[in-house]
Structures are given as C-alpha cells and as structure tokens.
Amino acid sequence: MEAQRQVHQLFAVFDGSSPDDVSHARQLWSSLSLLPPQESRLVSADVRQRLPVSRPQRGGTAAAPAPGPPSVDSPRQRREERQRYEAMADRRKEILALLRRQREQRIQKELTRGGRGGC
C-alpha cells in the first residue's frame, strides 16, 4: 500500500481514464520533454553534415578535370617536367645575375659621381 502512495505522488496515474485521454496525456508529456543540449548530440538536426554531391553537367561544354596531384607519370612526362623546371631555374639565375650587375653599376656610378664634387 505504501508503494502505491509513493507511485501516486511521483507519477500521474491514469487508472479509469479513457484510452483517448491517456493517448493525449502521453503526447502532451512527450512534447514537453526537453531535448539534450546541442553540444551533447553527435549530429545536429539543423546542420547539414555532408557537402552537396556534384552532379554531372548536362550541356555542350565538357568540364575540365579538376587539378590535382598527377597520376603515375610516364618517364617522358617526368623528363619534360624536369626540363621545364631546369629552364625556369636557369632563367631565375640569369635574372639574379642581371640584377646583381645593375646594382654593381649603380654603386660604381655613385662612387665616381660622389668623388667629383658632392656636398
């Protein structure tokens, strides 16, 4: 008997109620229950978790493949790429040498001009 009193104090008991009333009461209580905080959920219902999937384009233009790491290159492709990089390195060395010569010429002109009758 004591156990029944405790149950009546802690829980709403629907003895003798119609099934419709019990159903409505359950819906009410389930709608009032609080959801866990946003941080405690692994997946949020209001945030899209995946990026949209790209669909193939329909039309006359063919899409260029996305730039990325080259696939397994043939020895000829590697040789051509190496030659391109060597040509760029040679061009860089030429430009740096030209800049160095121009700098030395400017310094030389300043030294000869400064000795003639400056300040």
PDB file of N, CA and C in Angstrom:
ATOM      1  N   MET A   1       0.807  -1.184   0.000  1.00  0.00           N
ATOM      2  CA  MET A   1       0.000   0.000   0.000  1.00  0.00           C
ATOM      3  C   MET A   1       0.861   1.262   0.000  1.00  0.00           C
ATOM      4  N   GLU A   2       1.924   1.221   0.786  1.00  0.00           N
ATOM      5  CA  GLU A   2       2.855   2.353   0.867  1.00  0.00           C
ATOM      6  C   GLU A   2       3.486   2.596  -0.509  1.00  0.00           C
ATOM      7  N   ALA A   3       3.811   1.558  -1.209  1.00  0.00           N
ATOM      8  CA  ALA A   3       4.424   1.685  -2.535  1.00  0.00           C
ATOM      9  C   ALA A   3       3.473   2.374  -3.502  1.00  0.00           C
ATOM     10  N   GLN A   4       2.171   2.063  -3.407  1.00  0.00           N
ATOM     11  CA  GLN A   4       1.197   2.695  -4.285  1.00  0.00           C
ATOM     12  C   GLN A   4       1.086   4.184  -4.004  1.00  0.00           C
ATOM     13  N   ARG A   5       1.180   4.583  -2.758  1.00  0.00           N
ATOM     14  CA  ARG A   5       1.122   6.010  -2.413  1.00  0.00           C
ATOM     15  C   ARG A   5       2.304   6.757  -3.015  1.00  0.00           C
ATOM     16  N   GLN A   6       3.479   6.138  -2.915  1.00  0.00           N
ATOM     17  CA  GLN A   6       4.667   6.782  -3.485  1.00  0.00           C
ATOM     18  C   GLN A   6       4.540   6.914  -5.004  1.00  0.00           C
ATOM     19  N   VAL A   7       4.008   5.875  -5.635  1.00  0.00           N
ATOM     20  CA  VAL A   7       3.822   5.936  -7.084  1.00  0.00           C
ATOM     21  C   VAL A   7       2.844   7.048  -7.430  1.00  0.00           C
ATOM     22  N   HIS A   8       1.753   7.173  -6.682  1.00  0.00           N
ATOM     23  CA  HIS A   8       0.763   8.222  -6.946  1.00  0.00           C
ATOM     24  C   HIS A   8       1.348   9.611  -6.734  1.00  0.00           C
ATOM     25  N   GLN A   9       2.287   9.755  -5.797  1.00  0.00           N
ATOM     26  CA  GLN A   9       2.894  11.064  -5.549  1.00  0.00           C
ATOM     27  C   GLN A   9       3.901  11.419  -6.650  1.00  0.00           C
ATOM     28  N   LEU A  10       4.611  10.436  -7.165  1.00  0.00           N
ATOM     29  CA  LEU A  10       5.661  10.708  -8.136  1.00  0.00           C
ATOM     30  C   LEU A  10       5.171  10.706  -9.577  1.00  0.00           C
ATOM     31  N   PHE A  11       4.184   9.894  -9.891  1.00  0.00           N
ATOM     32  CA  PHE A  11       3.754   9.740 -11.272  1.00  0.00           C
ATOM     33  C   PHE A  11       2.273  10.021 -11.407  1.00  0.00           C
ATOM     34  N   ALA A  12       1.898  10.475 -12.600  1.00  0.00           N
ATOM     35  CA  ALA A  12       0.483  10.651 -12.895  1.00  0.00           C
ATOM     36  C   ALA A  12      -0.082   9.291 -13.286  1.00  0.00           C
ATOM     37  N   VAL A  13      -1.095   8.862 -12.625  1.00  0.00           N
ATOM     38  CA  VAL A  13      -1.690   7.564 -12.893  1.00  0.00           C
ATOM     39  C   VAL A  13      -3.023   7.801 -13.593  1.00  0.00           C
ATOM     40  N   PHE A  14      -3.246   7.079 -14.668  1.00  0.00           N
ATOM     41  CA  PHE A  14      -4.447   7.281 -15.462  1.00  0.00           C
ATOM     42  C   PHE A  14      -5.415   6.100 -15.330  1.00  0.00           C
ATOM     43  N   ASP A  15      -5.523   5.535 -14.155  1.00  0.00           N
ATOM     44  CA  ASP A  15      -6.485   4.442 -13.945  1.00  0.00           C
ATOM     45  C   ASP A  15      -7.892   4.983 -14.146  1.00  0.00           C
ATOM     46  N   GLY A  16      -8.670   4.258 -14.923  1.00  0.00           N
ATOM     47  CA  GLY A  16     -10.057   4.644 -15.133  1.00  0.00           C
ATOM     48  C   GLY A  16     -10.228   5.694 -16.202  1.00  0.00           C
ATOM     49  N   SER A  17      -9.152   6.181 -16.815  1.00  0.00           N
ATOM     50  CA  SER A  17      -9.266   7.181 -17.877  1.00  0.00           C
ATOM     51  C   SER A  17      -9.511   6.473 -19.206  1.00  0.00           C
ATOM     52  N   SER A  18     -10.096   7.188 -20.133  1.00  0.00           N
ATOM     53  CA  SER A  18     -10.357   6.608 -21.450  1.00  0.00           C
ATOM     54  C   SER A  18      -9.028   6.491 -22.217  1.00  0.00           C
ATOM     55  N   PRO A  19      -8.945   5.549 -23.146  1.00  0.00           N
ATOM     56  CA  PRO A  19      -7.708   5.410 -23.943  1.00  0.00           C
ATOM     57  C   PRO A  19      -7.346   6.690 -24.687  1.00  0.00           C
ATOM     58  N   ASP A  20      -8.342   7.454 -25.127  1.00  0.00           N
ATOM     59  CA  ASP A  20      -8.046   8.720 -25.811  1.00  0.00           C
ATOM     60  C   ASP A  20      -7.376   9.709 -24.856  1.00  0.00           C
ATOM     61  N   ASP A  21      -7.874   9.792 -23.614  1.00  0.00           N
ATOM     62  CA  ASP A  21      -7.264  10.696 -22.634  1.00  0.00           C
ATOM     63  C   ASP A  21      -5.830  10.292 -22.335  1.00  0.00           C
ATOM     64  N   VAL A  22      -5.594   8.994 -22.196  1.00  0.00           N
ATOM     65  CA  VAL A  22      -4.239   8.502 -21.930  1.00  0.00           C
ATOM     66  C   VAL A  22      -3.322   8.842 -23.104  1.00  0.00           C
ATOM     67  N   SER A  23      -3.817   8.662 -24.317  1.00  0.00           N
ATOM     68  CA  SER A  23      -3.017   8.969 -25.510  1.00  0.00           C
ATOM     69  C   SER A  23      -2.680  10.458 -25.568  1.00  0.00           C
ATOM     70  N   HIS A  24      -3.675  11.309 -25.298  1.00  0.00           N
ATOM     71  CA  HIS A  24      -3.432  12.752 -25.316  1.00  0.00           C
ATOM     72  C   HIS A  24      -2.446  13.159 -24.218  1.00  0.00           C
ATOM     73  N   ALA A  25      -2.558  12.560 -23.062  1.00  0.00           N
ATOM     74  CA  ALA A  25      -1.641  12.887 -21.973  1.00  0.00           C
ATOM     75  C   ALA A  25      -0.218  12.480 -22.334  1.00  0.00           C
ATOM     76  N   ARG A  26      -0.066  11.312 -22.957  1.00  0.00           N
ATOM     77  CA  ARG A  26       1.282  10.869 -23.369  1.00  0.00           C
ATOM     78  C   ARG A  26       1.869  11.832 -24.395  1.00  0.00           C
ATOM     79  N   GLN A  27       1.051  12.250 -25.363  1.00  0.00           N
ATOM     80  CA  GLN A  27       1.537  13.195 -26.364  1.00  0.00           C
ATOM     81  C   GLN A  27       1.949  14.507 -25.724  1.00  0.00           C
ATOM     82  N   LEU A  28       1.153  14.971 -24.753  1.00  0.00           N
ATOM     83  CA  LEU A  28       1.477  16.221 -24.063  1.00  0.00           C
ATOM     84  C   LEU A  28       2.822  16.111 -23.353  1.00  0.00           C
ATOM     85  N   TRP A  29       3.010  15.043 -22.580  1.00  0.00           N
ATOM     86  CA  TRP A  29       4.246  14.902 -21.820  1.00  0.00           C
ATOM     87  C   TRP A  29       5.449  14.686 -22.735  1.00  0.00           C
ATOM     88  N   SER A  30       5.264  13.955 -23.817  1.00  0.00           N
ATOM     89  CA  SER A  30       6.411  13.750 -24.718  1.00  0.00           C
ATOM     90  C   SER A  30       6.767  15.048 -25.434  1.00  0.00           C
ATOM     91  N   SER A  31       5.782  15.919 -25.698  1.00  0.00           N
ATOM     92  CA  SER A  31       6.101  17.196 -26.344  1.00  0.00           C
ATOM     93  C   SER A  31       6.774  18.161 -25.377  1.00  0.00           C
ATOM     94  N   LEU A  32       6.530  17.983 -24.084  1.00  0.00           N
ATOM     95  CA  LEU A  32       7.120  18.887 -23.095  1.00  0.00           C
ATOM     96  C   LEU A  32       8.503  18.445 -22.634  1.00  0.00           C
ATOM     97  N   SER A  33       8.898  17.248 -22.974  1.00  0.00           N
ATOM     98  CA  SER A  33      10.212  16.795 -22.510  1.00  0.00           C
ATOM     99  C   SER A  33      11.298  17.584 -23.230  1.00  0.00           C
ATOM    100  N   LEU A  34      12.332  17.937 -22.514  1.00  0.00           N
ATOM    101  CA  LEU A  34      13.404  18.761 -23.054  1.00  0.00           C
ATOM    102  C   LEU A  34      14.392  17.907 -23.827  1.00  0.00           C
ATOM    103  N   LEU A  35      14.882  18.480 -24.909  1.00  0.00           N
ATOM    104  CA  LEU A  35      15.920  17.813 -25.690  1.00  0.00           C
ATOM    105  C   LEU A  35      17.260  18.047 -25.009  1.00  0.00           C
ATOM    106  N   PRO A  36      18.216  17.163 -25.207  1.00  0.00           N
ATOM    107  CA  PRO A  36      19.543  17.401 -24.628  1.00  0.00           C
ATOM    108  C   PRO A  36      20.178  18.635 -25.259  1.00  0.00           C
ATOM    109  N   PRO A  37      21.121  19.259 -24.572  1.00  0.00           N
ATOM    110  CA  PRO A  37      21.755  20.441 -25.145  1.00  0.00           C
ATOM    111  C   PRO A  37      22.433  20.111 -26.479  1.00  0.00           C
ATOM    112  N   GLN A  38      22.567  21.127 -27.310  1.00  0.00           N
ATOM    113  CA  GLN A  38      23.125  20.956 -28.652  1.00  0.00           C
ATOM    114  C   GLN A  38      24.509  20.306 -28.618  1.00  0.00           C
ATOM    115  N   GLU A  39      25.331  20.668 -27.633  1.00  0.00           N
ATOM    116  CA  GLU A  39      26.691  20.156 -27.574  1.00  0.00           C
ATOM    117  C   GLU A  39      26.742  18.666 -27.270  1.00  0.00           C
ATOM    118  N   SER A  40      25.706  18.129 -26.650  1.00  0.00           N
ATOM    119  CA  SER A  40      25.760  16.738 -26.251  1.00  0.00           C
ATOM    120  C   SER A  40      25.350  15.792 -27.371  1.00  0.00           C
ATOM    121  N   ARG A  41      24.827  16.345 -28.458  1.00  0.00           N
ATOM    122  CA  ARG A  41      24.432  15.490 -29.572  1.00  0.00           C
ATOM    123  C   ARG A  41      25.583  15.348 -30.546  1.00  0.00           C
ATOM    124  N   LEU A  42      25.751  14.161 -31.082  1.00  0.00           N
ATOM    125  CA  LEU A  42      26.824  13.946 -32.048  1.00  0.00           C
ATOM    126  C   LEU A  42      26.488  14.561 -33.395  1.00  0.00           C
ATOM    127  N   VAL A  43      25.245  14.485 -33.791  1.00  0.00           N
ATOM    128  CA  VAL A  43      24.820  15.027 -35.073  1.00  0.00           C
ATOM    129  C   VAL A  43      23.687  15.990 -34.822  1.00  0.00           C
ATOM    130  N   SER A  44      23.825  17.181 -35.331  1.00  0.00           N
ATOM    131  CA  SER A  44      22.794  18.185 -35.142  1.00  0.00           C
ATOM    132  C   SER A  44      21.752  18.054 -36.244  1.00  0.00           C
ATOM    133  N   ALA A  45      20.515  18.200 -35.877  1.00  0.00           N
ATOM    134  CA  ALA A  45      19.434  18.060 -36.853  1.00  0.00           C
ATOM    135  C   ALA A  45      19.364  19.259 -37.788  1.00  0.00           C
ATOM    136  N   ASP A  46      19.794  20.445 -37.324  1.00  0.00           N
ATOM    137  CA  ASP A  46      19.646  21.633 -38.151  1.00  0.00           C
ATOM    138  C   ASP A  46      20.913  21.999 -38.921  1.00  0.00           C
ATOM    139  N   VAL A  47      21.965  21.218 -38.830  1.00  0.00           N
ATOM    140  CA  VAL A  47      23.197  21.492 -39.548  1.00  0.00           C
ATOM    141  C   VAL A  47      23.426  20.372 -40.551  1.00  0.00           C
ATOM    142  N   ARG A  48      23.680  20.767 -41.798  1.00  0.00           N
ATOM    143  CA  ARG A  48      23.943  19.740 -42.806  1.00  0.00           C
ATOM    144  C   ARG A  48      25.339  19.192 -42.580  1.00  0.00           C
ATOM    145  N   GLN A  49      25.451  17.899 -42.503  1.00  0.00           N
ATOM    146  CA  GLN A  49      26.713  17.257 -42.165  1.00  0.00           C
ATOM    147  C   GLN A  49      27.556  16.928 -43.392  1.00  0.00           C
ATOM    148  N   ARG A  50      26.949  16.880 -44.550  1.00  0.00           N
ATOM    149  CA  ARG A  50      27.686  16.496 -45.739  1.00  0.00           C
ATOM    150  C   ARG A  50      27.640  17.603 -46.766  1.00  0.00           C
ATOM    151  N   LEU A  51      28.660  17.632 -47.582  1.00  0.00           N
ATOM    152  CA  LEU A  51      28.684  18.577 -48.679  1.00  0.00           C
ATOM    153  C   LEU A  51      27.750  18.084 -49.772  1.00  0.00           C
ATOM    154  N   PRO A  52      27.196  18.982 -50.546  1.00  0.00           N
ATOM    155  CA  PRO A  52      26.323  18.534 -51.620  1.00  0.00           C
ATOM    156  C   PRO A  52      27.112  17.744 -52.655  1.00  0.00           C
ATOM    157  N   VAL A  53      26.462  16.774 -53.229  1.00  0.00           N
ATOM    158  CA  VAL A  53      27.100  15.932 -54.240  1.00  0.00           C
ATOM    159  C   VAL A  53      27.002  16.652 -55.572  1.00  0.00           C
ATOM    160  N   SER A  54      28.122  16.745 -56.272  1.00  0.00           N
ATOM    161  CA  SER A  54      28.093  17.414 -57.569  1.00  0.00           C
ATOM    162  C   SER A  54      27.504  16.461 -58.596  1.00  0.00           C
ATOM    163  N   ARG A  55      26.676  17.026 -59.420  1.00  0.00           N
ATOM    164  CA  ARG A  55      26.030  16.228 -60.457  1.00  0.00           C
ATOM    165  C   ARG A  55      26.712  16.520 -61.786  1.00  0.00           C
ATOM    166  N   PRO A  56      26.752  15.551 -62.675  1.00  0.00           N
ATOM    167  CA  PRO A  56      27.375  15.816 -63.983  1.00  0.00           C
ATOM    168  C   PRO A  56      26.602  16.892 -64.724  1.00  0.00           C
ATOM    169  N   GLN A  57      27.357  17.746 -65.396  1.00  0.00           N
ATOM    170  CA  GLN A  57      26.725  18.842 -66.118  1.00  0.00           C
ATOM    171  C   GLN A  57      26.140  18.316 -67.414  1.00  0.00           C
ATOM    172  N   ARG A  58      24.955  18.789 -67.705  1.00  0.00           N
ATOM    173  CA  ARG A  58      24.316  18.412 -68.963  1.00  0.00           C
ATOM    174  C   ARG A  58      24.376  19.618 -69.869  1.00  0.00           C
ATOM    175  N   GLY A  59      25.031  19.444 -70.960  1.00  0.00           N
ATOM    176  CA  GLY A  59      25.143  20.552 -71.892  1.00  0.00           C
ATOM    177  C   GLY A  59      26.267  20.278 -72.864  1.00  0.00           C
ATOM    178  N   GLY A  60      26.537  21.276 -73.718  1.00  0.00           N
ATOM    179  CA  GLY A  60      27.538  21.103 -74.750  1.00  0.00           C
ATOM    180  C   GLY A  60      28.962  21.249 -74.250  1.00  0.00           C
ATOM    181  N   THR A  61      29.160  21.875 -73.115  1.00  0.00           N
ATOM    182  CA  THR A  61      30.518  22.107 -72.648  1.00  0.00           C
ATOM    183  C   THR A  61      30.967  20.955 -71.769  1.00  0.00           C
ATOM    184  N   ALA A  62      32.153  20.512 -72.032  1.00  0.00           N
ATOM    185  CA  ALA A  62      32.725  19.448 -71.210  1.00  0.00           C
ATOM    186  C   ALA A  62      33.540  20.092 -70.101  1.00  0.00           C
ATOM    187  N   ALA A  63      33.354  19.637 -68.899  1.00  0.00           N
ATOM    188  CA  ALA A  63      34.081  20.202 -67.758  1.00  0.00           C
ATOM    189  C   ALA A  63      35.515  19.692 -67.760  1.00  0.00           C
ATOM    190  N   ALA A  64      36.437  20.584 -67.468  1.00  0.00           N
ATOM    191  CA  ALA A  64      37.842  20.190 -67.390  1.00  0.00           C
ATOM    192  C   ALA A  64      38.052  19.394 -66.111  1.00  0.00           C
ATOM    193  N   PRO A  65      38.939  18.425 -66.133  1.00  0.00           N
ATOM    194  CA  PRO A  65      39.186  17.667 -64.911  1.00  0.00           C
ATOM    195  C   PRO A  65      39.773  18.571 -63.842  1.00  0.00           C
ATOM    196  N   ALA A  66      39.426  18.290 -62.623  1.00  0.00           N
ATOM    197  CA  ALA A  66      39.904  19.103 -61.508  1.00  0.00           C
ATOM    198  C   ALA A  66      41.407  18.951 -61.365  1.00  0.00           C
ATOM    199  N   PRO A  67      42.126  20.083 -61.166  1.00  0.00           N
ATOM    200  CA  PRO A  67      43.571  19.967 -60.987  1.00  0.00           C
ATOM    201  C   PRO A  67      43.867  19.266 -59.674  1.00  0.00           C
ATOM    202  N   GLY A  68      44.798  18.403 -59.714  1.00  0.00           N
ATOM    203  CA  GLY A  68      45.153  17.658 -58.522  1.00  0.00           C
ATOM    204  C   GLY A  68      46.511  17.026 -58.720  1.00  0.00           C
ATOM    205  N   PRO A  69      46.900  16.196 -57.817  1.00  0.00           N
ATOM    206  CA  PRO A  69      48.191  15.560 -57.990  1.00  0.00           C
ATOM    207  C   PRO A  69      48.163  14.687 -59.238  1.00  0.00           C
ATOM    208  N   PRO A  70      49.211  14.770 -60.027  1.00  0.00           N
ATOM    209  CA  PRO A  70      49.220  13.984 -61.261  1.00  0.00           C
ATOM    210  C   PRO A  70      49.217  12.494 -60.950  1.00  0.00           C
ATOM    211  N   SER A  71      48.611  11.781 -61.857  1.00  0.00           N
ATOM    212  CA  SER A  71      48.620  10.335 -61.685  1.00  0.00           C
ATOM    213  C   SER A  71      50.027   9.826 -61.994  1.00  0.00           C
ATOM    214  N   VAL A  72      50.184   8.565 -62.017  1.00  0.00           N
ATOM    215  CA  VAL A  72      51.511   7.993 -62.251  1.00  0.00           C
ATOM    216  C   VAL A  72      51.997   8.474 -63.606  1.00  0.00           C
ATOM    217  N   ASP A  73      53.065   9.289 -63.582  1.00  0.00           N
ATOM    218  CA  ASP A  73      53.586   9.871 -64.810  1.00  0.00           C
ATOM    219  C   ASP A  73      54.485   8.876 -65.521  1.00  0.00           C
ATOM    220  N   SER A  74      54.485   9.021 -66.830  1.00  0.00           N
ATOM    221  CA  SER A  74      55.405   8.206 -67.611  1.00  0.00           C
ATOM    222  C   SER A  74      56.790   8.832 -67.502  1.00  0.00           C
ATOM    223  N   PRO A  75      57.825   8.077 -67.808  1.00  0.00           N
ATOM    224  CA  PRO A  75      59.185   8.656 -67.749  1.00  0.00           C
ATOM    225  C   PRO A  75      59.332   9.863 -68.664  1.00  0.00           C
ATOM    226  N   ARG A  76      58.653   9.865 -69.805  1.00  0.00           N
ATOM    227  CA  ARG A  76      58.741  11.000 -70.720  1.00  0.00           C
ATOM    228  C   ARG A  76      58.139  12.248 -70.095  1.00  0.00           C
ATOM    229  N   GLN A  77      56.990  12.095 -69.411  1.00  0.00           N
ATOM    230  CA  GLN A  77      56.361  13.243 -68.758  1.00  0.00           C
ATOM    231  C   GLN A  77      57.250  13.784 -67.650  1.00  0.00           C
ATOM    232  N   ARG A  78      57.851  12.902 -66.889  1.00  0.00           N
ATOM    233  CA  ARG A  78      58.746  13.353 -65.816  1.00  0.00           C
ATOM    234  C   ARG A  78      59.950  14.084 -66.390  1.00  0.00           C
ATOM    235  N   ARG A  79      60.475  13.589 -67.504  1.00  0.00           N
ATOM    236  CA  ARG A  79      61.635  14.220 -68.137  1.00  0.00           C
ATOM    237  C   ARG A  79      61.263  15.623 -68.624  1.00  0.00           C
ATOM    238  N   GLU A  80      60.088  15.749 -69.254  1.00  0.00           N
ATOM    239  CA  GLU A  80      59.639  17.058 -69.738  1.00  0.00           C
ATOM    240  C   GLU A  80      59.429  18.036 -68.584  1.00  0.00           C
ATOM    241  N   GLU A  81      58.835  17.544 -67.513  1.00  0.00           N
ATOM    242  CA  GLU A  81      58.609  18.407 -66.354  1.00  0.00           C
ATOM    243  C   GLU A  81      59.934  18.843 -65.743  1.00  0.00           C
ATOM    244  N   ARG A  82      60.868  17.936 -65.668  1.00  0.00           N
ATOM    245  CA  ARG A  82      62.187  18.272 -65.127  1.00  0.00           C
ATOM    246  C   ARG A  82      62.876  19.318 -65.994  1.00  0.00           C
ATOM    247  N   GLN A  83      62.750  19.178 -67.317  1.00  0.00           N
ATOM    248  CA  GLN A  83      63.351  20.164 -68.220  1.00  0.00           C
ATOM    249  C   GLN A  83      62.709  21.534 -68.034  1.00  0.00           C
ATOM    250  N   ARG A  84      61.383  21.554 -67.838  1.00  0.00           N
ATOM    251  CA  ARG A  84      60.701  22.825 -67.600  1.00  0.00           C
ATOM    252  C   ARG A  84      61.222  23.499 -66.335  1.00  0.00           C
ATOM    253  N   TYR A  85      61.359  22.719 -65.262  1.00  0.00           N
ATOM    254  CA  TYR A  85      61.847  23.281 -64.001  1.00  0.00           C
ATOM    255  C   TYR A  85      63.303  23.737 -64.127  1.00  0.00           C
ATOM    256  N   GLU A  86      64.097  22.995 -64.856  1.00  0.00           N
ATOM    257  CA  GLU A  86      65.501  23.411 -65.054  1.00  0.00           C
ATOM    258  C   GLU A  86      65.567  24.703 -65.855  1.00  0.00           C
ATOM    259  N   ALA A  87      64.701  24.846 -66.860  1.00  0.00           N
ATOM    260  CA  ALA A  87      64.665  26.078 -67.663  1.00  0.00           C
ATOM    261  C   ALA A  87      64.246  27.256 -66.782  1.00  0.00           C
ATOM    262  N   MET A  88      63.272  27.041 -65.916  1.00  0.00           N
ATOM    263  CA  MET A  88      62.858  28.123 -65.015  1.00  0.00           C
ATOM    264  C   MET A  88      63.988  28.490 -64.055  1.00  0.00           C
ATOM    265  N   ALA A  89      64.721  27.498 -63.566  1.00  0.00           N
ATOM    266  CA  ALA A  89      65.834  27.766 -62.651  1.00  0.00           C
ATOM    267  C   ALA A  89      66.933  28.544 -63.364  1.00  0.00           C
ATOM    268  N   ASP A  90      67.213  28.167 -64.631  1.00  0.00           N
ATOM    269  CA  ASP A  90      68.231  28.891 -65.396  1.00  0.00           C
ATOM    270  C   ASP A  90      67.803  30.345 -65.624  1.00  0.00           C
ATOM    271  N   ARG A  91      66.536  30.532 -65.951  1.00  0.00           N
ATOM    272  CA  ARG A  91      66.030  31.892 -66.173  1.00  0.00           C
ATOM    273  C   ARG A  91      66.140  32.718 -64.893  1.00  0.00           C
ATOM    274  N   ARG A  92      65.839  32.107 -63.766  1.00  0.00           N
ATOM    275  CA  ARG A  92      65.944  32.798 -62.479  1.00  0.00           C
ATOM    276  C   ARG A  92      67.389  33.213 -62.211  1.00  0.00           C
ATOM    277  N   LYS A  93      68.339  32.313 -62.492  1.00  0.00           N
ATOM    278  CA  LYS A  93      69.759  32.634 -62.288  1.00  0.00           C
ATOM    279  C   LYS A  93      70.182  33.792 -63.174  1.00  0.00           C
ATOM    280  N   GLU A  94      69.691  33.804 -64.434  1.00  0.00           N
ATOM    281  CA  GLU A  94      70.032  34.898 -65.344  1.00  0.00           C
ATOM    282  C   GLU A  94      69.495  36.231 -64.826  1.00  0.00           C
ATOM    283  N   ILE A  95      68.267  36.220 -64.344  1.00  0.00           N
ATOM    284  CA  ILE A  95      67.655  37.455 -63.830  1.00  0.00           C
ATOM    285  C   ILE A  95      68.410  37.948 -62.610  1.00  0.00           C
ATOM    286  N   LEU A  96      68.760  37.044 -61.694  1.00  0.00           N
ATOM    287  CA  LEU A  96      69.505  37.458 -60.500  1.00  0.00           C
ATOM    288  C   LEU A  96      70.880  38.002 -60.871  1.00  0.00           C
ATOM    289  N   ALA A  97      71.537  37.389 -61.857  1.00  0.00           N
ATOM    290  CA  ALA A  97      72.848  37.888 -62.294  1.00  0.00           C
ATOM    291  C   ALA A  97      72.707  39.280 -62.903  1.00  0.00           C
ATOM    292  N   LEU A  98      71.658  39.497 -63.726  1.00  0.00           N
ATOM    293  CA  LEU A  98      71.425  40.808 -64.320  1.00  0.00           C
ATOM    294  C   LEU A  98      71.172  41.853 -63.243  1.00  0.00           C
ATOM    295  N   LEU A  99      70.356  41.517 -62.257  1.00  0.00           N
ATOM    296  CA  LEU A  99      70.094  42.461 -61.166  1.00  0.00           C
ATOM    297  C   LEU A  99      71.359  42.771 -60.391  1.00  0.00           C
ATOM    298  N   ARG A 100      72.190  41.779 -60.178  1.00  0.00           N
ATOM    299  CA  ARG A 100      73.456  41.984 -59.446  1.00  0.00           C
ATOM    300  C   ARG A 100      74.376  42.928 -60.232  1.00  0.00           C
ATOM    301  N   ARG A 101      74.464  42.714 -61.578  1.00  0.00           N
ATOM    302  CA  ARG A 101      75.305  43.593 -62.404  1.00  0.00           C
ATOM    303  C   ARG A 101      74.779  45.025 -62.385  1.00  0.00           C
ATOM    304  N   GLN A 102      73.463  45.189 -62.491  1.00  0.00           N
ATOM    305  CA  GLN A 102      72.890  46.532 -62.473  1.00  0.00           C
ATOM    306  C   GLN A 102      73.147  47.228 -61.137  1.00  0.00           C
ATOM    307  N   ARG A 103      73.062  46.470 -60.070  1.00  0.00           N
ATOM    308  CA  ARG A 103      73.326  47.040 -58.742  1.00  0.00           C
ATOM    309  C   ARG A 103      74.781  47.488 -58.644  1.00  0.00           C
ATOM    310  N   GLU A 104      75.682  46.636 -59.123  1.00  0.00           N
ATOM    311  CA  GLU A 104      77.119  47.000 -59.075  1.00  0.00           C
ATOM    312  C   GLU A 104      77.394  48.232 -59.921  1.00  0.00           C
ATOM    313  N   GLN A 105      76.713  48.347 -61.079  1.00  0.00           N
ATOM    314  CA  GLN A 105      76.900  49.528 -61.934  1.00  0.00           C
ATOM    315  C   GLN A 105      76.398  50.793 -61.242  1.00  0.00           C
ATOM    316  N   ARG A 106      75.246  50.692 -60.563  1.00  0.00           N
ATOM    317  CA  ARG A 106      74.721  51.861 -59.835  1.00  0.00           C
ATOM    318  C   ARG A 106      75.681  52.281 -58.733  1.00  0.00           C
ATOM    319  N   ILE A 107      76.190  51.280 -57.991  1.00  0.00           N
ATOM    320  CA  ILE A 107      77.130  51.595 -56.906  1.00  0.00           C
ATOM    321  C   ILE A 107      78.376  52.256 -57.481  1.00  0.00           C
ATOM    322  N   GLN A 108      78.867  51.738 -58.609  1.00  0.00           N
ATOM    323  CA  GLN A 108      80.066  52.307 -59.228  1.00  0.00           C
ATOM    324  C   GLN A 108      79.817  53.748 -59.661  1.00  0.00           C
ATOM    325  N   LYS A 109      78.642  54.026 -60.257  1.00  0.00           N
ATOM    326  CA  LYS A 109      78.313  55.393 -60.682  1.00  0.00           C
ATOM    327  C   LYS A 109      78.238  56.320 -59.488  1.00  0.00           C
ATOM    328  N   GLU A 110      77.642  55.874 -58.399  1.00  0.00           N
ATOM    329  CA  GLU A 110      77.539  56.700 -57.194  1.00  0.00           C
ATOM    330  C   GLU A 110      78.924  57.006 -56.634  1.00  0.00           C
ATOM    331  N   LEU A 111      79.823  56.023 -56.669  1.00  0.00           N
ATOM    332  CA  LEU A 111      81.166  56.244 -56.132  1.00  0.00           C
ATOM    333  C   LEU A 111      81.939  57.249 -56.992  1.00  0.00           C
ATOM    334  N   THR A 112      81.789  57.123 -58.327  1.00  0.00           N
ATOM    335  CA  THR A 112      82.522  58.059 -59.194  1.00  0.00           C
ATOM    336  C   THR A 112      81.878  59.440 -59.169  1.00  0.00           C
ATOM    337  N   ARG A 113      80.583  59.539 -59.064  1.00  0.00           N
ATOM    338  CA  ARG A 113      79.892  60.826 -59.010  1.00  0.00           C
ATOM    339  C   ARG A 113      80.154  61.509 -57.673  1.00  0.00           C
ATOM    340  N   GLY A 114      80.213  60.752 -56.610  1.00  0.00           N
ATOM    341  CA  GLY A 114      80.385  61.319 -55.276  1.00  0.00           C
ATOM    342  C   GLY A 114      81.772  61.915 -55.083  1.00  0.00           C
ATOM    343  N   GLY A 115      82.768  61.435 -55.765  1.00  0.00           N
ATOM    344  CA  GLY A 115      84.125  61.928 -55.607  1.00  0.00           C
ATOM    345  C   GLY A 115      84.384  63.219 -56.337  1.00  0.00           C
ATOM    346  N   ARG A 116      83.527  63.633 -57.268  1.00  0.00           N
ATOM    347  CA  ARG A 116      83.769  64.804 -58.092  1.00  0.00           C
ATOM    348  C   ARG A 116      83.437  66.117 -57.412  1.00  0.00           C
ATOM    349  N   GLY A 117      82.528  66.190 -56.627  1.00  0.00           N
ATOM    350  CA  GLY A 117      82.202  67.497 -56.058  1.00  0.00           C
ATOM    351  C   GLY A 117      80.832  67.480 -55.426  1.00  0.00           C
ATOM    352  N   GLY A 118      80.653  66.576 -54.559  1.00  0.00           N
ATOM    353  CA  GLY A 118      79.376  66.465 -53.899  1.00  0.00           C
ATOM    354  C   GLY A 118      79.236  67.489 -52.812  1.00  0.00           C
ATOM    355  N   CYS A 119      78.655  67.185 -51.731  1.00  0.00           N
ATOM    356  CA  CYS A 119      78.369  68.076 -50.631  1.00  0.00           C
ATOM    357  C   CYS A 119      79.581  68.658 -50.038  1.00  0.00           C
TER     358      CYS A 119
END
